[in-house]
Amino acid sequence: MLSIGFILLTHGNESQALRLVRTLGRVFGDPPIACHHDFSRTQFRIERFPRNVRFVQPHVRTQWGTISLVQAMLGGLRLLYDFGAPDWFYFLSGADYPICDADSIGNELARTPYDAYLRLKKVDHTRVPDRGAEDTGGIDSPSYLRLAYQRYIARSIPIPSLRHPHRGPAAMHLHLLNPGLLNRFHPFNDHYFCYAGDQWFAGNTKAAAVLLAPEHERLLRYLKGRFPPDEAFCPTVLGNSTELKISSESKHFIRWEPGNHPRLLEAPDMPEILRSNAHFARKFAPDAPVLNLLDNHLRAVASPGVA
């Protein structure tokens, strides 16, 4: 059986993270887990965590929507392959939970022709996407490509001499969308495109090696000034790799709300969760009753012999 490891990004709620890693241990047979926890936000008692869990030290002080999340992800991935070297890895948050048994996941990954499961969209830097008719949230929203272009290609330049009449002292901004004017500011060209998509995904050893390669510094510097960089770094690196075959099928079950926020999953979502082709689901509130239902489901389908 192939081996599966996990990179876990957390910043709060120790009990929720403990429940997740203990469930991963039970379902996947004590797999290698690299946890990046932001100890500046909340303290974790490391001694309470199973021995198969290792923590990134020193940690990165993380903030939502900043390059710090990319740095934390890479730190976790590097740690995982330093001590675990699994065949496949999953990026998870503390609010994720498994919804499929290890044997089913392992059998699927052993047969797949893909190197990563990551929903991503190419953001064409040579043209401004049309406005979508509606915002349904998430990467499949008709408005997503326009949003991604504004986030990762366009520029917003403050004009200190102008003030908005209804927003106090804040300077007004000039929004540049014209591709011809933007070419000098971004690192993309006819052979290297921007991609945007999911932060939480699965990949194999080849994908991990591509992500950890040293040649991504220019992209990291560019995305440092973009929001949110964690939804563009991994998609761009993996999407431009000629060595990898990527499936745009997500192995995360997520229900998006307008404004690109994942909705909290509850017990009524259980039938749809189990009908999905996903391996994990997000996002769950700590101690949500639906987690007990998922535990019962995982115990019912469990089978011995996990690698």
C-alpha atoms as a PDB file:
ATOM      1  CA  MET A   1       0.000   0.000   0.000  1.00  0.00           C
ATOM      2  CA  LEU A   2       1.211   3.484  -0.765  1.00  0.00           C
ATOM      3  CA  SER A   3       1.825   5.864   2.139  1.00  0.00           C
ATOM      4  CA  ILE A   4      -0.131   9.062   2.774  1.00  0.00           C
ATOM      5  CA  GLY A   5       0.993  12.030   4.871  1.00  0.00           C
ATOM      6  CA  PHE A   6      -0.577  15.292   5.927  1.00  0.00           C
ATOM      7  CA  ILE A   7       0.389  18.935   6.318  1.00  0.00           C
ATOM      8  CA  LEU A   8      -1.828  20.637   8.862  1.00  0.00           C
ATOM      9  CA  LEU A   9      -2.052  24.430   9.210  1.00  0.00           C
ATOM     10  CA  THR A  10      -3.510  25.685  12.487  1.00  0.00           C
ATOM     11  CA  HIS A  11      -3.668  28.879  14.483  1.00  0.00           C
ATOM     12  CA  GLY A  12      -6.217  28.128  17.206  1.00  0.00           C
ATOM     13  CA  ASN A  13      -8.471  25.612  18.948  1.00  0.00           C
ATOM     14  CA  GLU A  14      -6.205  22.870  20.226  1.00  0.00           C
ATOM     15  CA  SER A  15      -9.079  20.466  20.902  1.00  0.00           C
ATOM     16  CA  GLN A  16     -10.259  20.635  17.289  1.00  0.00           C
ATOM     17  CA  ALA A  17      -6.739  19.973  15.972  1.00  0.00           C
ATOM     18  CA  LEU A  18      -6.315  17.088  18.425  1.00  0.00           C
ATOM     19  CA  ARG A  19      -9.551  15.509  17.274  1.00  0.00           C
ATOM     20  CA  LEU A  20      -8.438  15.768  13.650  1.00  0.00           C
ATOM     21  CA  VAL A  21      -4.979  14.231  14.145  1.00  0.00           C
ATOM     22  CA  ARG A  22      -6.375  11.429  16.309  1.00  0.00           C
ATOM     23  CA  THR A  23      -8.957  10.651  13.644  1.00  0.00           C
ATOM     24  CA  LEU A  24      -6.252  10.688  10.962  1.00  0.00           C
ATOM     25  CA  GLY A  25      -4.244   8.314  13.142  1.00  0.00           C
ATOM     26  CA  ARG A  26      -7.161   5.943  13.541  1.00  0.00           C
ATOM     27  CA  VAL A  27      -8.211   6.025   9.871  1.00  0.00           C
ATOM     28  CA  PHE A  28      -4.762   6.040   8.236  1.00  0.00           C
ATOM     29  CA  GLY A  29      -2.737   4.045  10.737  1.00  0.00           C
ATOM     30  CA  ASP A  30      -0.641   6.762  12.433  1.00  0.00           C
ATOM     31  CA  PRO A  31       0.510   8.525   9.249  1.00  0.00           C
ATOM     32  CA  PRO A  32       3.253  11.174   9.229  1.00  0.00           C
ATOM     33  CA  ILE A  33       1.716  14.569  10.029  1.00  0.00           C
ATOM     34  CA  ALA A  34       3.605  17.856   9.844  1.00  0.00           C
ATOM     35  CA  CYS A  35       1.789  20.619  11.680  1.00  0.00           C
ATOM     36  CA  HIS A  36       2.514  24.293  11.263  1.00  0.00           C
ATOM     37  CA  HIS A  37       0.914  25.964  14.240  1.00  0.00           C
ATOM     38  CA  ASP A  38       1.159  29.694  14.881  1.00  0.00           C
ATOM     39  CA  PHE A  39       2.152  29.686  18.543  1.00  0.00           C
ATOM     40  CA  SER A  40       1.985  33.484  18.575  1.00  0.00           C
ATOM     41  CA  ARG A  41      -1.807  33.232  18.206  1.00  0.00           C
ATOM     42  CA  THR A  42      -2.569  30.406  20.658  1.00  0.00           C
ATOM     43  CA  GLN A  43      -0.471  27.911  22.571  1.00  0.00           C
ATOM     44  CA  PHE A  44      -0.643  24.165  21.835  1.00  0.00           C
ATOM     45  CA  ARG A  45       0.537  21.659  24.414  1.00  0.00           C
ATOM     46  CA  ILE A  46       2.697  19.620  22.069  1.00  0.00           C
ATOM     47  CA  GLU A  47       2.965  16.756  24.558  1.00  0.00           C
ATOM     48  CA  ARG A  48      -0.753  16.054  24.071  1.00  0.00           C
ATOM     49  CA  PHE A  49      -0.290  15.273  20.384  1.00  0.00           C
ATOM     50  CA  PRO A  50       0.500  11.766  19.076  1.00  0.00           C
ATOM     51  CA  ARG A  51       4.121  10.884  18.329  1.00  0.00           C
ATOM     52  CA  ASN A  52       3.493  10.793  14.570  1.00  0.00           C
ATOM     53  CA  VAL A  53       2.802  14.556  14.642  1.00  0.00           C
ATOM     54  CA  ARG A  54       5.754  16.924  14.303  1.00  0.00           C
ATOM     55  CA  PHE A  55       5.632  20.693  14.524  1.00  0.00           C
ATOM     56  CA  VAL A  56       7.415  23.220  12.318  1.00  0.00           C
ATOM     57  CA  GLN A  57      10.013  24.993  14.437  1.00  0.00           C
ATOM     58  CA  PRO A  58      10.434  27.902  14.424  1.00  0.00           C
ATOM     59  CA  HIS A  59       6.917  28.741  13.328  1.00  0.00           C
ATOM     60  CA  VAL A  60       5.881  31.588  11.034  1.00  0.00           C
ATOM     61  CA  ARG A  61       3.685  34.351  12.434  1.00  0.00           C
ATOM     62  CA  THR A  62       0.709  33.944  10.132  1.00  0.00           C
ATOM     63  CA  GLN A  63      -1.946  36.376   9.036  1.00  0.00           C
ATOM     64  CA  TRP A  64      -4.891  35.621   6.778  1.00  0.00           C
ATOM     65  CA  GLY A  65      -4.458  36.778   3.199  1.00  0.00           C
ATOM     66  CA  THR A  66      -0.671  37.258   3.402  1.00  0.00           C
ATOM     67  CA  ILE A  67       2.443  35.505   2.112  1.00  0.00           C
ATOM     68  CA  SER A  68       2.968  34.135   5.627  1.00  0.00           C
ATOM     69  CA  LEU A  69       0.443  31.374   4.850  1.00  0.00           C
ATOM     70  CA  VAL A  70       2.478  30.281   1.826  1.00  0.00           C
ATOM     71  CA  GLN A  71       5.630  30.240   3.952  1.00  0.00           C
ATOM     72  CA  ALA A  72       3.832  28.155   6.586  1.00  0.00           C
ATOM     73  CA  MET A  73       2.573  25.701   3.952  1.00  0.00           C
ATOM     74  CA  LEU A  74       6.048  25.273   2.480  1.00  0.00           C
ATOM     75  CA  GLY A  75       7.537  24.841   5.946  1.00  0.00           C
ATOM     76  CA  GLY A  76       5.058  22.078   6.692  1.00  0.00           C
ATOM     77  CA  LEU A  77       5.657  20.373   3.346  1.00  0.00           C
ATOM     78  CA  ARG A  78       9.425  20.499   3.824  1.00  0.00           C
ATOM     79  CA  LEU A  79       9.151  19.047   7.327  1.00  0.00           C
ATOM     80  CA  LEU A  80       6.842  16.254   6.146  1.00  0.00           C
ATOM     81  CA  TYR A  81       9.307  15.113   3.486  1.00  0.00           C
ATOM     82  CA  ASP A  82      12.250  15.462   5.842  1.00  0.00           C
ATOM     83  CA  PHE A  83      10.850  12.872   8.246  1.00  0.00           C
ATOM     84  CA  GLY A  84       7.986  11.069   6.514  1.00  0.00           C
ATOM     85  CA  ALA A  85       8.543  11.055   2.733  1.00  0.00           C
ATOM     86  CA  PRO A  86       5.027   9.758   1.918  1.00  0.00           C
ATOM     87  CA  ASP A  87       3.886   8.804  -1.570  1.00  0.00           C
ATOM     88  CA  TRP A  88       1.039  11.339  -1.329  1.00  0.00           C
ATOM     89  CA  PHE A  89       0.290  14.362   0.850  1.00  0.00           C
ATOM     90  CA  TYR A  90      -2.801  16.391   1.695  1.00  0.00           C
ATOM     91  CA  PHE A  91      -2.881  20.012   2.814  1.00  0.00           C
ATOM     92  CA  LEU A  92      -5.478  20.356   5.572  1.00  0.00           C
ATOM     93  CA  SER A  93      -6.676  23.049   7.931  1.00  0.00           C
ATOM     94  CA  GLY A  94      -7.799  22.377  11.477  1.00  0.00           C
ATOM     95  CA  ALA A  95     -11.395  22.731  10.277  1.00  0.00           C
ATOM     96  CA  ASP A  96     -11.121  19.811   7.801  1.00  0.00           C
ATOM     97  CA  TYR A  97     -12.156  16.205   8.425  1.00  0.00           C
ATOM     98  CA  PRO A  98     -11.825  12.885   6.559  1.00  0.00           C
ATOM     99  CA  ILE A  99     -14.980  11.556   4.927  1.00  0.00           C
ATOM    100  CA  CYS A 100     -13.563   8.463   3.210  1.00  0.00           C
ATOM    101  CA  ASP A 101     -11.743   5.378   4.509  1.00  0.00           C
ATOM    102  CA  ALA A 102      -8.008   4.882   3.950  1.00  0.00           C
ATOM    103  CA  ASP A 103      -8.319   1.779   1.778  1.00  0.00           C
ATOM    104  CA  SER A 104     -10.645   3.509  -0.692  1.00  0.00           C
ATOM    105  CA  ILE A 105      -8.369   6.540  -0.854  1.00  0.00           C
ATOM    106  CA  GLY A 106      -5.212   4.437  -1.170  1.00  0.00           C
ATOM    107  CA  ASN A 107      -6.673   2.270  -3.927  1.00  0.00           C
ATOM    108  CA  GLU A 108      -7.767   5.347  -5.882  1.00  0.00           C
ATOM    109  CA  LEU A 109      -4.391   7.066  -5.560  1.00  0.00           C
ATOM    110  CA  ALA A 110      -2.537   3.885  -6.498  1.00  0.00           C
ATOM    111  CA  ARG A 111      -4.427   3.740  -9.815  1.00  0.00           C
ATOM    112  CA  THR A 112      -4.567   7.410 -10.694  1.00  0.00           C
ATOM    113  CA  PRO A 113      -2.594   8.805 -13.652  1.00  0.00           C
ATOM    114  CA  TYR A 114      -2.446  12.192 -11.896  1.00  0.00           C
ATOM    115  CA  ASP A 115       0.256  13.759  -9.754  1.00  0.00           C
ATOM    116  CA  ALA A 116      -2.044  16.226  -7.992  1.00  0.00           C
ATOM    117  CA  TYR A 117      -5.703  16.919  -7.381  1.00  0.00           C
ATOM    118  CA  LEU A 118      -6.088  20.685  -7.458  1.00  0.00           C
ATOM    119  CA  ARG A 119      -8.878  22.823  -8.829  1.00  0.00           C
ATOM    120  CA  LEU A 120      -7.234  25.693 -10.673  1.00  0.00           C
ATOM    121  CA  LYS A 121      -7.947  28.184 -13.439  1.00  0.00           C
ATOM    122  CA  LYS A 122      -5.499  29.771 -15.850  1.00  0.00           C
ATOM    123  CA  VAL A 123      -5.565  33.546 -15.456  1.00  0.00           C
ATOM    124  CA  ASP A 124      -4.779  34.942 -18.898  1.00  0.00           C
ATOM    125  CA  HIS A 125      -2.622  38.030 -18.380  1.00  0.00           C
ATOM    126  CA  THR A 126      -3.132  39.106 -22.026  1.00  0.00           C
ATOM    127  CA  ARG A 127      -6.845  39.935 -21.736  1.00  0.00           C
ATOM    128  CA  VAL A 128      -9.271  41.248 -19.139  1.00  0.00           C
ATOM    129  CA  PRO A 129     -11.914  38.600 -18.394  1.00  0.00           C
ATOM    130  CA  ASP A 130     -15.563  39.514 -18.799  1.00  0.00           C
ATOM    131  CA  ARG A 131     -17.573  40.200 -15.683  1.00  0.00           C
ATOM    132  CA  GLY A 132     -19.456  37.129 -14.520  1.00  0.00           C
ATOM    133  CA  ALA A 133     -23.207  37.289 -14.367  1.00  0.00           C
ATOM    134  CA  GLU A 134     -23.294  36.354 -10.682  1.00  0.00           C
ATOM    135  CA  ASP A 135     -21.074  35.592  -7.701  1.00  0.00           C
ATOM    136  CA  THR A 136     -21.910  32.114  -6.422  1.00  0.00           C
ATOM    137  CA  GLY A 137     -18.626  31.794  -4.523  1.00  0.00           C
ATOM    138  CA  GLY A 138     -15.595  29.597  -5.190  1.00  0.00           C
ATOM    139  CA  ILE A 139     -13.595  28.770  -8.278  1.00  0.00           C
ATOM    140  CA  ASP A 140     -16.633  27.669 -10.312  1.00  0.00           C
ATOM    141  CA  SER A 141     -18.384  31.013  -9.934  1.00  0.00           C
ATOM    142  CA  PRO A 142     -18.940  32.855 -13.259  1.00  0.00           C
ATOM    143  CA  SER A 143     -17.215  35.864 -11.703  1.00  0.00           C
ATOM    144  CA  TYR A 144     -14.098  33.991 -10.541  1.00  0.00           C
ATOM    145  CA  LEU A 145     -11.758  34.653 -13.481  1.00  0.00           C
ATOM    146  CA  ARG A 146     -12.440  38.384 -13.336  1.00  0.00           C
ATOM    147  CA  LEU A 147     -11.796  38.326  -9.597  1.00  0.00           C
ATOM    148  CA  ALA A 148      -8.550  36.377 -10.056  1.00  0.00           C
ATOM    149  CA  TYR A 149      -7.354  38.825 -12.738  1.00  0.00           C
ATOM    150  CA  GLN A 150      -8.002  41.749 -10.397  1.00  0.00           C
ATOM    151  CA  ARG A 151      -6.202  39.964  -7.568  1.00  0.00           C
ATOM    152  CA  TYR A 152      -3.084  38.714  -9.351  1.00  0.00           C
ATOM    153  CA  ILE A 153      -2.603  40.737 -12.560  1.00  0.00           C
ATOM    154  CA  ALA A 154      -4.231  44.161 -12.181  1.00  0.00           C
ATOM    155  CA  ARG A 155      -2.725  46.908 -10.040  1.00  0.00           C
ATOM    156  CA  SER A 156      -4.256  49.419  -7.677  1.00  0.00           C
ATOM    157  CA  ILE A 157      -2.170  52.594  -7.404  1.00  0.00           C
ATOM    158  CA  PRO A 158      -2.950  55.131  -4.647  1.00  0.00           C
ATOM    159  CA  ILE A 159      -3.159  58.778  -5.675  1.00  0.00           C
ATOM    160  CA  PRO A 160      -2.279  60.764  -2.524  1.00  0.00           C
ATOM    161  CA  SER A 161      -3.415  64.057  -4.044  1.00  0.00           C
ATOM    162  CA  LEU A 162      -6.995  62.764  -4.362  1.00  0.00           C
ATOM    163  CA  ARG A 163      -9.293  61.891  -1.468  1.00  0.00           C
ATOM    164  CA  HIS A 164     -12.573  60.024  -1.591  1.00  0.00           C
ATOM    165  CA  PRO A 165     -15.390  62.368  -0.549  1.00  0.00           C
ATOM    166  CA  HIS A 166     -17.028  59.761   1.700  1.00  0.00           C
ATOM    167  CA  ARG A 167     -14.051  57.755   3.009  1.00  0.00           C
ATOM    168  CA  GLY A 168     -12.140  60.192   5.136  1.00  0.00           C
ATOM    169  CA  PRO A 169      -8.401  60.739   4.623  1.00  0.00           C
ATOM    170  CA  ALA A 170      -7.809  57.572   2.586  1.00  0.00           C
ATOM    171  CA  ALA A 171      -6.310  58.244  -0.855  1.00  0.00           C
ATOM    172  CA  MET A 172      -8.256  57.325  -3.954  1.00  0.00           C
ATOM    173  CA  HIS A 173      -6.806  54.590  -6.174  1.00  0.00           C
ATOM    174  CA  LEU A 174      -6.224  54.239  -9.870  1.00  0.00           C
ATOM    175  CA  HIS A 175      -7.102  50.700 -10.971  1.00  0.00           C
ATOM    176  CA  LEU A 176      -4.994  49.454 -13.885  1.00  0.00           C
ATOM    177  CA  LEU A 177      -6.584  46.619 -15.867  1.00  0.00           C
ATOM    178  CA  ASN A 178      -5.026  47.132 -19.313  1.00  0.00           C
ATOM    179  CA  PRO A 179      -2.802  44.111 -20.112  1.00  0.00           C
ATOM    180  CA  GLY A 180      -0.362  46.194 -22.179  1.00  0.00           C
ATOM    181  CA  LEU A 181       0.304  48.546 -19.274  1.00  0.00           C
ATOM    182  CA  LEU A 182       0.654  45.702 -16.780  1.00  0.00           C
ATOM    183  CA  ASN A 183       3.281  43.577 -18.558  1.00  0.00           C
ATOM    184  CA  ARG A 184       6.198  45.328 -16.878  1.00  0.00           C
ATOM    185  CA  PHE A 185       4.848  44.670 -13.379  1.00  0.00           C
ATOM    186  CA  HIS A 186       4.201  40.915 -13.285  1.00  0.00           C
ATOM    187  CA  PRO A 187       6.370  37.823 -13.928  1.00  0.00           C
ATOM    188  CA  PHE A 188       3.986  36.131 -16.388  1.00  0.00           C
ATOM    189  CA  ASN A 189       4.548  35.613 -20.102  1.00  0.00           C
ATOM    190  CA  ASP A 190       3.580  33.336 -22.990  1.00  0.00           C
ATOM    191  CA  HIS A 191       5.442  30.439 -21.352  1.00  0.00           C
ATOM    192  CA  TYR A 192       4.627  31.119 -17.697  1.00  0.00           C
ATOM    193  CA  PHE A 193       1.018  31.814 -16.749  1.00  0.00           C
ATOM    194  CA  CYS A 194      -0.693  32.759 -13.538  1.00  0.00           C
ATOM    195  CA  TYR A 195      -3.030  30.147 -12.089  1.00  0.00           C
ATOM    196  CA  ALA A 196      -5.444  30.569  -9.207  1.00  0.00           C
ATOM    197  CA  GLY A 197      -7.462  28.021  -7.291  1.00  0.00           C
ATOM    198  CA  ASP A 198      -7.749  25.968  -4.153  1.00  0.00           C
ATOM    199  CA  GLN A 199      -5.372  26.229  -1.219  1.00  0.00           C
ATOM    200  CA  TRP A 200      -6.283  22.790   0.149  1.00  0.00           C
ATOM    201  CA  PHE A 201      -5.291  19.968  -2.212  1.00  0.00           C
ATOM    202  CA  ALA A 202      -3.520  16.631  -2.626  1.00  0.00           C
ATOM    203  CA  GLY A 203      -0.262  15.827  -4.410  1.00  0.00           C
ATOM    204  CA  ASN A 204       2.318  13.092  -4.775  1.00  0.00           C
ATOM    205  CA  THR A 205       6.086  13.037  -4.280  1.00  0.00           C
ATOM    206  CA  LYS A 206       6.709  14.572  -7.715  1.00  0.00           C
ATOM    207  CA  ALA A 207       4.383  17.470  -6.924  1.00  0.00           C
ATOM    208  CA  ALA A 208       6.101  17.997  -3.562  1.00  0.00           C
ATOM    209  CA  ALA A 209       9.512  18.164  -5.256  1.00  0.00           C
ATOM    210  CA  VAL A 210       8.235  20.781  -7.729  1.00  0.00           C
ATOM    211  CA  LEU A 211       6.796  22.922  -4.929  1.00  0.00           C
ATOM    212  CA  LEU A 212       9.992  22.720  -2.871  1.00  0.00           C
ATOM    213  CA  ALA A 213      12.335  23.531  -5.763  1.00  0.00           C
ATOM    214  CA  PRO A 214      14.413  26.706  -5.193  1.00  0.00           C
ATOM    215  CA  GLU A 215      13.412  28.599  -8.344  1.00  0.00           C
ATOM    216  CA  HIS A 216      10.159  30.120  -7.057  1.00  0.00           C
ATOM    217  CA  GLU A 217      11.629  33.121  -5.248  1.00  0.00           C
ATOM    218  CA  ARG A 218      10.531  35.623  -7.891  1.00  0.00           C
ATOM    219  CA  LEU A 219       6.958  34.376  -7.707  1.00  0.00           C
ATOM    220  CA  LEU A 220       7.040  34.533  -3.903  1.00  0.00           C
ATOM    221  CA  ARG A 221       8.276  38.123  -4.024  1.00  0.00           C
ATOM    222  CA  TYR A 222       5.568  39.086  -6.501  1.00  0.00           C
ATOM    223  CA  LEU A 223       2.761  37.425  -4.563  1.00  0.00           C
ATOM    224  CA  LYS A 224       3.918  39.063  -1.332  1.00  0.00           C
ATOM    225  CA  GLY A 225       2.005  42.139  -2.429  1.00  0.00           C
ATOM    226  CA  ARG A 226      -1.079  40.252  -3.603  1.00  0.00           C
ATOM    227  CA  PHE A 227      -4.232  39.110  -1.847  1.00  0.00           C
ATOM    228  CA  PRO A 228      -4.592  36.253  -1.118  1.00  0.00           C
ATOM    229  CA  PRO A 229      -1.256  34.747  -2.236  1.00  0.00           C
ATOM    230  CA  ASP A 230      -2.016  31.260  -0.874  1.00  0.00           C
ATOM    231  CA  GLU A 231      -4.662  30.779  -3.575  1.00  0.00           C
ATOM    232  CA  ALA A 232      -2.162  31.508  -6.352  1.00  0.00           C
ATOM    233  CA  PHE A 233       1.272  30.193  -5.334  1.00  0.00           C
ATOM    234  CA  CYS A 234       0.711  26.421  -5.464  1.00  0.00           C
ATOM    235  CA  PRO A 235      -1.682  26.606  -8.450  1.00  0.00           C
ATOM    236  CA  THR A 236       0.849  28.710 -10.392  1.00  0.00           C
ATOM    237  CA  VAL A 237       3.853  26.529  -9.549  1.00  0.00           C
ATOM    238  CA  LEU A 238       2.065  23.250 -10.281  1.00  0.00           C
ATOM    239  CA  GLY A 239       0.046  24.578 -13.210  1.00  0.00           C
ATOM    240  CA  ASN A 240       3.210  25.658 -15.058  1.00  0.00           C
ATOM    241  CA  SER A 241       5.079  22.394 -14.471  1.00  0.00           C
ATOM    242  CA  THR A 242       5.512  20.314 -17.615  1.00  0.00           C
ATOM    243  CA  GLU A 243       6.429  17.294 -15.477  1.00  0.00           C
ATOM    244  CA  LEU A 244       3.074  16.946 -13.760  1.00  0.00           C
ATOM    245  CA  LYS A 245      -0.385  15.780 -14.708  1.00  0.00           C
ATOM    246  CA  ILE A 246      -3.008  17.618 -12.671  1.00  0.00           C
ATOM    247  CA  SER A 247      -6.636  16.715 -12.174  1.00  0.00           C
ATOM    248  CA  SER A 248      -8.971  19.653 -11.654  1.00  0.00           C
ATOM    249  CA  GLU A 249     -11.212  17.400  -9.571  1.00  0.00           C
ATOM    250  CA  SER A 250     -11.173  18.510  -5.956  1.00  0.00           C
ATOM    251  CA  LYS A 251     -10.759  15.912  -3.219  1.00  0.00           C
ATOM    252  CA  HIS A 252     -12.199  18.443  -0.760  1.00  0.00           C
ATOM    253  CA  PHE A 253     -15.968  18.766  -0.370  1.00  0.00           C
ATOM    254  CA  ILE A 254     -16.709  22.476   0.128  1.00  0.00           C
ATOM    255  CA  ARG A 255     -19.915  24.469  -0.114  1.00  0.00           C
ATOM    256  CA  TRP A 256     -19.157  28.051  -1.095  1.00  0.00           C
ATOM    257  CA  GLU A 257     -21.145  31.136  -0.251  1.00  0.00           C
ATOM    258  CA  PRO A 258     -21.154  34.368  -2.285  1.00  0.00           C
ATOM    259  CA  GLY A 259     -18.040  36.325  -1.428  1.00  0.00           C
ATOM    260  CA  ASN A 260     -15.860  33.192  -1.656  1.00  0.00           C
ATOM    261  CA  HIS A 261     -16.326  31.979   1.898  1.00  0.00           C
ATOM    262  CA  PRO A 262     -16.811  28.270   2.711  1.00  0.00           C
ATOM    263  CA  ARG A 263     -20.064  27.574   4.528  1.00  0.00           C
ATOM    264  CA  LEU A 264     -19.947  25.639   7.791  1.00  0.00           C
ATOM    265  CA  LEU A 265     -21.116  22.084   7.152  1.00  0.00           C
ATOM    266  CA  GLU A 266     -23.816  20.564   9.346  1.00  0.00           C
ATOM    267  CA  ALA A 267     -25.725  17.300   9.788  1.00  0.00           C
ATOM    268  CA  PRO A 268     -28.187  17.962   6.896  1.00  0.00           C
ATOM    269  CA  ASP A 269     -25.162  18.082   4.552  1.00  0.00           C
ATOM    270  CA  MET A 270     -24.226  14.474   5.388  1.00  0.00           C
ATOM    271  CA  PRO A 271     -25.949  12.748   2.424  1.00  0.00           C
ATOM    272  CA  GLU A 272     -24.339  15.120  -0.092  1.00  0.00           C
ATOM    273  CA  ILE A 273     -20.948  14.789   1.620  1.00  0.00           C
ATOM    274  CA  LEU A 274     -21.039  10.992   1.370  1.00  0.00           C
ATOM    275  CA  ARG A 275     -22.262  11.037  -2.240  1.00  0.00           C
ATOM    276  CA  SER A 276     -19.310  13.169  -3.262  1.00  0.00           C
ATOM    277  CA  ASN A 277     -16.103  11.828  -4.739  1.00  0.00           C
ATOM    278  CA  ALA A 278     -14.097  13.731  -2.148  1.00  0.00           C
ATOM    279  CA  HIS A 279     -11.716  12.411   0.486  1.00  0.00           C
ATOM    280  CA  PHE A 280     -12.031  15.310   2.952  1.00  0.00           C
ATOM    281  CA  ALA A 281     -14.580  17.993   3.716  1.00  0.00           C
ATOM    282  CA  ARG A 282     -14.408  21.513   5.106  1.00  0.00           C
ATOM    283  CA  LYS A 283     -15.355  23.587   6.921  1.00  0.00           C
ATOM    284  CA  PHE A 284     -16.564  22.332  10.314  1.00  0.00           C
ATOM    285  CA  ALA A 285     -17.170  24.165  13.559  1.00  0.00           C
ATOM    286  CA  PRO A 286     -15.361  22.688  16.581  1.00  0.00           C
ATOM    287  CA  ASP A 287     -17.373  19.801  18.056  1.00  0.00           C
ATOM    288  CA  ALA A 288     -20.077  20.131  15.396  1.00  0.00           C
ATOM    289  CA  PRO A 289     -22.563  17.210  15.739  1.00  0.00           C
ATOM    290  CA  VAL A 290     -21.899  16.232  12.111  1.00  0.00           C
ATOM    291  CA  LEU A 291     -18.369  15.176  13.126  1.00  0.00           C
ATOM    292  CA  ASN A 292     -19.871  12.423  15.302  1.00  0.00           C
ATOM    293  CA  LEU A 293     -21.858  11.228  12.292  1.00  0.00           C
ATOM    294  CA  LEU A 294     -18.680  11.152  10.215  1.00  0.00           C
ATOM    295  CA  ASP A 295     -16.874   9.201  12.945  1.00  0.00           C
ATOM    296  CA  ASN A 296     -19.654   6.614  12.910  1.00  0.00           C
ATOM    297  CA  HIS A 297     -19.470   6.405   9.121  1.00  0.00           C
ATOM    298  CA  LEU A 298     -15.691   5.976   9.115  1.00  0.00           C
ATOM    299  CA  ARG A 299     -15.867   3.245  11.739  1.00  0.00           C
ATOM    300  CA  ALA A 300     -18.547   1.443   9.743  1.00  0.00           C
ATOM    301  CA  VAL A 301     -16.476   1.365   6.552  1.00  0.00           C
ATOM    302  CA  ALA A 302     -13.104   0.805   8.235  1.00  0.00           C
ATOM    303  CA  SER A 303     -11.045  -2.173   7.169  1.00  0.00           C
ATOM    304  CA  PRO A 304      -7.763  -3.456   8.661  1.00  0.00           C
ATOM    305  CA  GLY A 305      -4.343  -3.271   7.053  1.00  0.00           C
ATOM    306  CA  VAL A 306      -3.389   0.345   6.554  1.00  0.00           C
ATOM    307  CA  ALA A 307       0.115   1.052   5.278  1.00  0.00           C
END
